[in-house]
Amino acid sequence: MPAGGPTGGHVLRRALGDQRRRVGGASLLAMAHQACEALVPVVIGLTIDEAVGTGSAGALLRWLLVLAGLFLVLSTCYRISARFAEGAGESAAHRIRQDLAARVLDPRGGADTGRLPGALTAVATGDARRVGSVASALPYALSALTGLAVSAVALLRTSVPLGLLVLLGVPPLLWIGHLISRPLERRSEAEQEHAAHASGVAADLVAGLRVLKGIGAEGAAVARYRETSRSSLASALRAANSRAWHDGAILALTGVFIAVIGLVGAHLAMRGTISVGDLVAAVGLAQYLLGPFQLLTYVNGEFAQARASADRIAEVLASPPAVAAGTTPLPSPVAGRLRLRGLTHGALRGLDLDVAPGSVVGVVSRDPAAANDLLLCLGREREPDAGTVELDGVPLADLDPGEARRAVLVAHHDADLFED
């Protein structure tokens, strides 16, 4: 991992790198599928010129068999490629969820700082799924580029102007598509942020539902959630609107581009530069190009949303730990003598306390927050602002958090394993 924690780019690269075999296999099969798709109109054009135009039954049968072979190959490649691609996407998302769970459960803590539990759940579900989708989408992008390349070569063999039109027109379209995707990326990130916050608020309110009913605060709770939900809805609608404009603009541009190819092909046929079969192949290829462009539009949108989600995942993974990982081993055996000197944290101020091994000590606090802060320091969930806690003469700060919790068991007043 890079210094300072992973970045969004690192999260995306790892999602692809971990699934490189599946992604590679799916890409090769998808590229073969698109190449065969692009060859279909070419074969139809050759059938017209060499069989229909000449009236040769043998040539017609031969080209029909070639066409049937193409359809057999392209359909088989598509089915297997889709299976590999979906498996890569699901596995990548699962790996990200494992990484997030490991970070959240790290004994040093810190991942939940400033985040509601529901927000972390939203990151581990929605954001992980979106990042995993890049492993599914990449094979489609490579297959679309392969289809465009095969189409360009076929059109060059038919007519140099048609081939050059495709070769020179595709790069600007891809660049414009990248520019159009930027607003979608920004709004997708905002959408996920608001959705995660709404999820966190909902989980928070459900956890405290009994207390809210007890103090008669249902109205305030409903108003709070309604405001949060409306904000999330507005953000989701903005993202959906941006996706619609993105897809519509790309399809409009590609529609104009395909129409230009068809018009140029028709003009060349009228001048006698290309044959009728060549014209049919050119028009068929122009119509076929809509498929690769739609795939690129889909992939562009998926990557825009995945980049936004990857940044959110990286923020959680790169969260600084709440406590340092000490290297001093536990005393052996652990007697259990606790010594607190000048302990200060939050509402807790300058606490001095000695607890002898085998004794039972009750600590009474007027402020519940001070009691909670004491438990946080004893459980090594937070570093004290000042003062020390020693276990058998060894400062807790020098112990690994996991080792310290083996010796000092802390149970918070509001700790829940399950609701019922």
Protein backbone atom coordinates (compact mmCIF):
# COMPACT_ATOMS: atom_id res chain seq x y z
CA MET A 1 0.00 0.00 0.00
CA PRO A 2 1.21 3.55 -0.64
CA ALA A 3 2.49 5.63 2.27
CA GLY A 4 -0.37 7.28 4.11
CA GLY A 5 -2.88 4.59 3.13
CA PRO A 6 -4.51 3.49 -0.12
CA THR A 7 -6.01 5.91 -2.60
CA GLY A 8 -9.07 5.51 -4.79
CA GLY A 9 -6.82 4.61 -7.72
CA HIS A 10 -5.11 1.95 -5.63
CA VAL A 11 -8.49 0.45 -4.68
CA LEU A 12 -9.51 0.25 -8.35
CA ARG A 13 -6.19 -1.23 -9.48
CA ARG A 14 -6.31 -3.86 -6.76
CA ALA A 15 -9.89 -4.77 -7.66
CA LEU A 16 -8.73 -5.44 -11.22
CA GLY A 17 -5.40 -7.00 -10.26
CA ASP A 18 -6.92 -9.54 -7.90
CA GLN A 19 -9.22 -10.73 -10.69
CA ARG A 20 -6.74 -10.49 -13.58
CA ARG A 21 -7.22 -14.13 -14.64
CA ARG A 22 -10.99 -13.89 -14.81
CA VAL A 23 -10.84 -10.44 -16.38
CA GLY A 24 -8.23 -11.61 -18.91
CA GLY A 25 -10.25 -14.67 -19.91
CA ALA A 26 -13.48 -12.69 -20.12
CA SER A 27 -11.75 -10.00 -22.19
CA LEU A 28 -10.35 -12.44 -24.75
CA LEU A 29 -13.70 -14.17 -25.18
CA ALA A 30 -15.57 -10.85 -25.34
CA MET A 31 -13.12 -9.54 -27.94
CA ALA A 32 -13.70 -12.68 -30.03
CA HIS A 33 -17.46 -12.15 -29.68
CA GLN A 34 -17.29 -8.55 -30.91
CA ALA A 35 -14.90 -9.44 -33.74
CA CYS A 36 -17.37 -12.05 -35.00
CA GLU A 37 -20.23 -9.56 -34.61
CA ALA A 38 -18.33 -7.06 -36.75
CA LEU A 39 -17.66 -9.71 -39.41
CA VAL A 40 -21.34 -10.61 -39.80
CA PRO A 41 -22.24 -7.63 -42.08
CA VAL A 42 -18.99 -8.19 -44.00
CA VAL A 43 -19.93 -11.83 -44.68
CA ILE A 44 -23.45 -10.76 -45.70
CA GLY A 45 -21.95 -8.29 -48.18
CA LEU A 46 -19.68 -10.99 -49.63
CA THR A 47 -22.68 -13.33 -49.88
CA ILE A 48 -24.54 -10.73 -51.93
CA ASP A 49 -21.61 -10.07 -54.27
CA GLU A 50 -20.33 -13.65 -54.73
CA ALA A 51 -23.53 -15.72 -54.39
CA VAL A 52 -26.70 -13.65 -54.86
CA GLY A 53 -25.21 -11.43 -57.56
CA THR A 54 -23.76 -14.37 -59.50
CA GLY A 55 -26.60 -16.83 -58.83
CA SER A 56 -24.18 -19.48 -57.54
CA ALA A 57 -25.91 -21.98 -55.24
CA GLY A 58 -22.57 -23.47 -54.13
CA ALA A 59 -21.21 -20.06 -53.13
CA LEU A 60 -24.47 -19.27 -51.32
CA LEU A 61 -24.27 -22.50 -49.30
CA ARG A 62 -20.60 -21.87 -48.49
CA TRP A 63 -21.17 -18.35 -47.20
CA LEU A 64 -24.26 -19.42 -45.26
CA LEU A 65 -22.15 -22.03 -43.47
CA VAL A 66 -19.54 -19.36 -42.72
CA LEU A 67 -22.30 -17.14 -41.32
CA ALA A 68 -23.65 -19.98 -39.16
CA GLY A 69 -20.13 -20.64 -37.85
CA LEU A 70 -19.76 -16.98 -36.92
CA PHE A 71 -23.00 -17.01 -34.94
CA LEU A 72 -22.00 -20.22 -33.17
CA VAL A 73 -18.65 -18.76 -32.11
CA LEU A 74 -19.98 -15.35 -31.07
CA SER A 75 -22.85 -16.77 -29.00
CA THR A 76 -20.58 -19.26 -27.21
CA CYS A 77 -17.93 -16.65 -26.50
CA TYR A 78 -20.53 -14.23 -25.15
CA ARG A 79 -22.04 -16.72 -22.70
CA ILE A 80 -18.70 -17.81 -21.24
CA SER A 81 -17.33 -14.25 -21.20
CA ALA A 82 -20.37 -12.93 -19.33
CA ARG A 83 -20.01 -15.70 -16.75
CA PHE A 84 -16.33 -14.88 -16.18
CA ALA A 85 -17.00 -11.13 -16.04
CA GLU A 86 -19.83 -11.43 -13.51
CA GLY A 87 -17.71 -13.76 -11.38
CA ALA A 88 -14.84 -11.26 -11.46
CA GLY A 89 -17.13 -8.41 -10.40
CA GLU A 90 -18.69 -10.32 -7.50
CA SER A 91 -15.33 -11.65 -6.30
CA ALA A 92 -13.73 -8.18 -6.46
CA ALA A 93 -16.59 -6.68 -4.44
CA HIS A 94 -16.33 -9.51 -1.90
CA ARG A 95 -12.58 -8.92 -1.50
CA ILE A 96 -13.21 -5.22 -0.88
CA ARG A 97 -15.82 -6.07 1.76
CA GLN A 98 -13.27 -8.33 3.45
CA ASP A 99 -10.71 -5.52 3.47
CA LEU A 100 -13.26 -3.10 4.93
CA ALA A 101 -14.32 -5.60 7.59
CA ALA A 102 -10.69 -6.20 8.55
CA ARG A 103 -10.11 -2.45 8.87
CA VAL A 104 -13.27 -1.87 10.92
CA LEU A 105 -12.40 -4.79 13.24
CA ASP A 106 -8.74 -3.78 13.58
CA PRO A 107 -7.95 -3.71 17.33
CA ARG A 108 -6.40 -0.24 16.91
CA GLY A 109 -9.82 1.13 15.85
CA GLY A 110 -10.26 4.46 14.06
CA ALA A 111 -12.38 3.36 11.10
CA ASP A 112 -15.61 4.35 12.84
CA THR A 113 -14.38 7.78 13.91
CA GLY A 114 -16.88 10.35 12.66
CA ARG A 115 -18.93 7.70 10.88
CA LEU A 116 -22.25 6.15 11.84
CA PRO A 117 -22.40 2.33 11.73
CA GLY A 118 -25.00 2.50 8.97
CA ALA A 119 -22.64 4.65 6.89
CA LEU A 120 -19.93 2.00 7.13
CA THR A 121 -22.49 -0.61 6.08
CA ALA A 122 -23.39 1.47 3.02
CA VAL A 123 -19.71 1.72 2.05
CA ALA A 124 -19.28 -2.05 2.41
CA THR A 125 -22.35 -2.77 0.26
CA GLY A 126 -23.10 -0.09 -2.32
CA ASP A 127 -19.59 1.30 -2.79
CA ALA A 128 -17.97 -2.14 -2.80
CA ARG A 129 -20.45 -3.30 -5.45
CA ARG A 130 -19.73 -0.29 -7.66
CA VAL A 131 -15.96 -0.76 -7.45
CA GLY A 132 -16.33 -4.49 -8.12
CA SER A 133 -18.30 -3.64 -11.25
CA VAL A 134 -15.13 -2.35 -12.94
CA ALA A 135 -13.89 -5.95 -13.14
CA SER A 136 -17.13 -6.83 -14.94
CA ALA A 137 -17.09 -3.76 -17.17
CA LEU A 138 -13.47 -3.81 -18.36
CA PRO A 139 -13.91 -6.86 -20.65
CA TYR A 140 -16.84 -5.08 -22.33
CA ALA A 141 -14.69 -2.00 -22.91
CA LEU A 142 -11.91 -4.05 -24.51
CA SER A 143 -14.43 -5.96 -26.61
CA ALA A 144 -16.01 -2.71 -27.81
CA LEU A 145 -12.61 -1.34 -28.85
CA THR A 146 -11.90 -4.62 -30.65
CA GLY A 147 -15.21 -4.34 -32.50
CA LEU A 148 -14.37 -0.78 -33.55
CA ALA A 149 -10.92 -1.85 -34.75
CA VAL A 150 -12.27 -4.79 -36.77
CA SER A 151 -14.96 -2.53 -38.26
CA ALA A 152 -12.37 0.06 -39.22
CA VAL A 153 -10.18 -2.55 -40.94
CA ALA A 154 -13.19 -4.00 -42.77
CA LEU A 155 -14.26 -0.55 -43.92
CA LEU A 156 -10.70 0.25 -45.03
CA ARG A 157 -10.74 -2.86 -47.23
CA THR A 158 -14.07 -1.73 -48.62
CA SER A 159 -13.23 1.94 -48.93
CA VAL A 160 -10.32 3.95 -47.61
CA PRO A 161 -12.47 7.07 -46.88
CA LEU A 162 -14.93 4.98 -44.82
CA GLY A 163 -12.15 3.32 -42.85
CA LEU A 164 -10.39 6.62 -42.17
CA LEU A 165 -13.69 8.15 -41.09
CA VAL A 166 -14.02 5.52 -38.36
CA LEU A 167 -10.36 5.59 -37.32
CA LEU A 168 -10.27 9.38 -37.08
CA GLY A 169 -13.74 9.81 -35.60
CA VAL A 170 -13.60 7.33 -32.71
CA PRO A 171 -10.82 8.98 -30.59
CA PRO A 172 -12.60 12.39 -30.39
CA LEU A 173 -15.83 10.63 -29.44
CA LEU A 174 -14.09 8.74 -26.64
CA TRP A 175 -12.47 11.96 -25.38
CA ILE A 176 -15.80 13.81 -25.41
CA GLY A 177 -17.38 10.88 -23.54
CA HIS A 178 -14.70 11.18 -20.85
CA LEU A 179 -15.41 14.89 -20.43
CA ILE A 180 -19.15 14.27 -20.23
CA SER A 181 -18.63 11.66 -17.46
CA ARG A 182 -17.01 14.10 -15.01
CA PRO A 183 -20.25 15.62 -13.67
CA LEU A 184 -21.62 12.09 -13.27
CA GLU A 185 -18.60 11.13 -11.17
CA ARG A 186 -19.03 14.12 -8.85
CA ARG A 187 -22.76 13.60 -8.40
CA SER A 188 -22.34 9.85 -7.87
CA GLU A 189 -19.95 10.53 -5.01
CA ALA A 190 -22.44 12.97 -3.45
CA GLU A 191 -25.24 10.43 -3.95
CA GLN A 192 -23.33 7.70 -2.09
CA GLU A 193 -22.39 10.13 0.70
CA HIS A 194 -26.01 11.14 1.29
CA ALA A 195 -27.25 7.55 1.00
CA ALA A 196 -24.68 6.37 3.55
CA HIS A 197 -25.64 9.17 5.92
CA ALA A 198 -29.34 8.35 5.59
CA SER A 199 -28.59 4.69 6.27
CA GLY A 200 -26.56 5.62 9.32
CA VAL A 201 -29.30 7.87 10.70
CA ALA A 202 -31.89 5.13 10.15
CA ALA A 203 -29.76 2.55 12.00
CA ASP A 204 -29.15 5.08 14.77
CA LEU A 205 -32.85 5.78 15.23
CA VAL A 206 -33.84 2.12 15.16
CA ALA A 207 -31.21 1.31 17.81
CA GLY A 208 -32.67 3.97 20.11
CA LEU A 209 -36.32 3.40 19.25
CA ARG A 210 -37.36 2.28 22.73
CA VAL A 211 -35.74 5.28 24.38
CA LEU A 212 -37.28 7.64 21.81
CA LYS A 213 -40.71 6.26 22.57
CA GLY A 214 -40.07 6.47 26.28
CA ILE A 215 -39.29 10.18 26.20
CA GLY A 216 -41.91 10.97 23.56
CA ALA A 217 -39.40 12.08 20.91
CA GLU A 218 -40.88 10.16 17.97
CA GLY A 219 -41.86 13.38 16.19
CA ALA A 220 -38.34 14.82 16.37
CA ALA A 221 -36.87 11.51 15.20
CA VAL A 222 -39.26 11.30 12.24
CA ALA A 223 -38.51 14.92 11.29
CA ARG A 224 -34.77 14.24 11.43
CA TYR A 225 -35.00 11.16 9.25
CA ARG A 226 -37.40 12.84 6.82
CA GLU A 227 -34.95 15.70 6.29
CA THR A 228 -32.05 13.27 5.81
CA SER A 229 -34.06 11.08 3.47
CA ARG A 230 -35.15 14.03 1.35
CA SER A 231 -31.56 15.18 1.03
CA SER A 232 -30.54 11.67 -0.04
CA LEU A 233 -33.40 11.51 -2.55
CA ALA A 234 -32.47 14.87 -4.06
CA SER A 235 -28.86 13.75 -4.42
CA ALA A 236 -29.96 10.45 -6.02
CA LEU A 237 -32.19 12.30 -8.48
CA ARG A 238 -29.34 14.63 -9.43
CA ALA A 239 -27.08 11.62 -10.04
CA ALA A 240 -29.79 9.86 -12.09
CA ASN A 241 -30.37 13.03 -14.10
CA SER A 242 -26.65 13.31 -14.74
CA ARG A 243 -26.53 9.66 -15.87
CA ALA A 244 -29.46 10.27 -18.23
CA TRP A 245 -27.79 13.33 -19.76
CA HIS A 246 -24.50 11.43 -20.01
CA ASP A 247 -26.04 8.45 -21.81
CA GLY A 248 -28.28 10.62 -23.99
CA ALA A 249 -25.44 12.88 -25.09
CA ILE A 250 -23.17 9.94 -25.94
CA LEU A 251 -25.92 8.18 -27.90
CA ALA A 252 -26.77 11.38 -29.78
CA LEU A 253 -23.13 11.88 -30.77
CA THR A 254 -22.71 8.27 -31.85
CA GLY A 255 -26.01 8.40 -33.78
CA VAL A 256 -24.78 11.38 -35.78
CA PHE A 257 -21.46 9.64 -36.37
CA ILE A 258 -23.12 6.46 -37.62
CA ALA A 259 -25.44 8.45 -39.88
CA VAL A 260 -22.43 10.17 -41.44
CA ILE A 261 -20.83 6.78 -42.16
CA GLY A 262 -24.04 5.57 -43.81
CA LEU A 263 -24.34 8.73 -45.94
CA VAL A 264 -20.71 8.54 -47.07
CA GLY A 265 -21.17 4.86 -47.98
CA ALA A 266 -24.33 5.62 -49.96
CA HIS A 267 -22.56 8.43 -51.82
CA LEU A 268 -19.66 6.14 -52.73
CA ALA A 269 -22.10 3.46 -53.99
CA MET A 270 -23.94 6.00 -56.14
CA ARG A 271 -20.64 7.01 -57.73
CA GLY A 272 -19.82 3.35 -58.38
CA THR A 273 -16.75 3.39 -56.14
CA ILE A 274 -18.05 0.43 -54.11
CA SER A 275 -20.33 -2.47 -55.03
CA VAL A 276 -23.85 -3.17 -53.77
CA GLY A 277 -22.45 -5.83 -51.46
CA ASP A 278 -19.90 -3.36 -50.16
CA LEU A 279 -22.68 -0.82 -49.51
CA VAL A 280 -24.71 -3.42 -47.58
CA ALA A 281 -21.61 -4.31 -45.56
CA ALA A 282 -20.86 -0.63 -44.89
CA VAL A 283 -24.42 0.12 -43.77
CA GLY A 284 -24.46 -3.04 -41.66
CA LEU A 285 -21.17 -2.06 -40.03
CA ALA A 286 -22.50 1.44 -39.38
CA GLN A 287 -25.51 -0.05 -37.62
CA TYR A 288 -23.29 -2.51 -35.77
CA LEU A 289 -21.12 0.33 -34.45
CA LEU A 290 -24.03 1.45 -32.28
CA GLY A 291 -23.45 -1.65 -30.11
CA PRO A 292 -19.77 -0.95 -29.26
CA PHE A 293 -20.56 2.72 -28.64
CA GLN A 294 -23.38 1.75 -26.27
CA LEU A 295 -20.98 -0.57 -24.47
CA LEU A 296 -18.43 2.22 -24.13
CA THR A 297 -21.16 4.52 -22.80
CA TYR A 298 -22.11 1.92 -20.21
CA VAL A 299 -18.49 1.28 -19.22
CA ASN A 300 -17.73 5.01 -19.01
CA GLY A 301 -20.65 5.49 -16.61
CA GLU A 302 -19.64 2.46 -14.52
CA PHE A 303 -16.06 3.71 -14.20
CA ALA A 304 -17.23 7.22 -13.28
CA GLN A 305 -19.35 5.84 -10.44
CA ALA A 306 -16.64 3.36 -9.42
CA ARG A 307 -14.02 6.11 -9.11
CA ALA A 308 -16.28 8.03 -6.72
CA SER A 309 -16.95 4.88 -4.64
CA ALA A 310 -13.27 3.92 -4.64
CA ASP A 311 -12.40 7.26 -3.05
CA ARG A 312 -14.93 6.63 -0.27
CA ILE A 313 -13.59 3.12 0.34
CA ALA A 314 -10.03 4.45 0.42
CA GLU A 315 -11.04 6.99 3.09
CA VAL A 316 -12.19 4.16 5.36
CA LEU A 317 -9.15 1.95 4.67
CA ALA A 318 -6.78 4.89 5.22
CA SER A 319 -8.43 5.98 8.48
CA PRO A 320 -5.71 6.67 11.07
CA PRO A 321 -5.80 4.25 14.02
CA ALA A 322 -7.34 5.51 17.24
CA VAL A 323 -4.53 3.99 19.32
CA ALA A 324 -0.95 3.01 18.57
CA ALA A 325 0.16 -0.61 18.34
CA GLY A 326 2.57 -1.20 21.23
CA THR A 327 5.29 -3.84 21.15
CA THR A 328 5.81 -4.58 24.87
CA PRO A 329 4.68 -8.12 25.78
CA LEU A 330 2.12 -8.76 28.53
CA PRO A 331 3.53 -9.52 31.99
CA SER A 332 3.64 -13.24 32.64
CA PRO A 333 1.71 -14.11 34.63
CA VAL A 334 -0.74 -11.20 34.73
CA ALA A 335 -1.42 -10.32 38.36
CA GLY A 336 -4.02 -7.67 37.53
CA ARG A 337 -2.77 -4.59 39.40
CA LEU A 338 -4.07 -1.37 37.83
CA ARG A 339 -2.55 2.03 38.51
CA LEU A 340 -4.04 5.25 37.08
CA ARG A 341 -2.21 8.55 37.45
CA GLY A 342 -3.51 11.92 36.26
CA LEU A 343 -5.80 10.22 33.73
CA THR A 344 -7.48 12.85 31.58
CA HIS A 345 -9.69 12.22 28.58
CA GLY A 346 -12.86 14.00 27.48
CA ALA A 347 -15.00 14.54 30.58
CA LEU A 348 -12.51 12.67 32.75
CA ARG A 349 -10.11 14.95 34.63
CA GLY A 350 -6.94 13.95 36.53
CA LEU A 351 -8.09 10.60 37.90
CA ASP A 352 -5.74 8.79 40.31
CA LEU A 353 -6.72 5.23 41.16
CA ASP A 354 -5.06 2.05 42.42
CA VAL A 355 -6.75 -1.33 42.02
CA ALA A 356 -5.08 -4.24 43.83
CA PRO A 357 -5.19 -7.75 42.35
CA GLY A 358 -8.23 -9.72 43.51
CA SER A 359 -10.09 -6.68 44.82
CA VAL A 360 -13.57 -5.48 43.91
CA VAL A 361 -13.73 -1.73 43.29
CA GLY A 362 -16.76 0.36 42.39
CA VAL A 363 -16.28 3.69 40.63
CA VAL A 364 -19.17 6.15 40.87
CA SER A 365 -19.33 9.14 38.55
CA ARG A 366 -21.79 12.02 38.54
CA ASP A 367 -21.21 12.46 34.82
CA PRO A 368 -21.95 9.33 32.70
CA ALA A 369 -19.63 10.72 30.02
CA ALA A 370 -16.69 10.55 32.46
CA ALA A 371 -17.45 6.88 33.18
CA ASN A 372 -17.60 6.16 29.46
CA ASP A 373 -14.28 7.95 28.87
CA LEU A 374 -12.70 5.89 31.66
CA LEU A 375 -13.83 2.68 29.97
CA LEU A 376 -12.47 3.88 26.62
CA CYS A 377 -9.02 4.40 28.17
CA LEU A 378 -9.06 1.11 30.10
CA GLY A 379 -10.09 -0.80 26.96
CA ARG A 380 -7.42 0.94 24.84
CA GLU A 381 -10.10 2.22 22.47
CA ARG A 382 -8.76 5.77 22.86
CA GLU A 383 -5.45 7.21 23.93
CA PRO A 384 -5.81 9.42 27.04
CA ASP A 385 -5.25 13.13 26.58
CA ALA A 386 -2.94 13.06 29.60
CA GLY A 387 -1.87 10.69 32.33
CA THR A 388 -1.18 6.96 32.29
CA VAL A 389 -2.82 3.60 32.90
CA GLU A 390 -0.48 0.82 34.06
CA LEU A 391 -1.10 -2.91 34.26
CA ASP A 392 1.36 -4.61 36.64
CA GLY A 393 3.72 -1.67 36.13
CA VAL A 394 3.52 -1.74 32.30
CA PRO A 395 1.78 1.25 30.64
CA LEU A 396 -1.22 0.12 28.58
CA ALA A 397 -0.03 2.46 25.83
CA ASP A 398 3.04 0.21 25.38
CA LEU A 399 0.91 -2.91 24.85
CA ASP A 400 -0.72 -4.08 21.65
CA PRO A 401 -4.47 -3.26 21.89
CA GLY A 402 -5.42 -6.90 21.34
CA GLU A 403 -2.99 -8.08 24.05
CA ALA A 404 -4.19 -5.40 26.49
CA ARG A 405 -7.82 -6.48 26.02
CA ARG A 406 -6.90 -10.08 26.83
CA ALA A 407 -5.87 -8.89 30.30
CA VAL A 408 -8.33 -6.03 30.89
CA LEU A 409 -11.92 -6.87 29.99
CA VAL A 410 -14.14 -3.83 29.45
CA ALA A 411 -17.90 -4.08 28.95
CA HIS A 412 -19.65 -0.83 28.10
CA HIS A 413 -22.99 -0.06 29.72
CA ASP A 414 -24.83 0.05 26.37
CA ALA A 415 -23.07 -2.88 24.68
CA ASP A 416 -25.41 -5.03 22.56
CA LEU A 417 -24.72 -8.26 20.72
CA PHE A 418 -28.22 -8.71 19.27
CA GLU A 419 -31.44 -6.76 19.50
CA ASP A 420 -33.46 -9.65 20.99
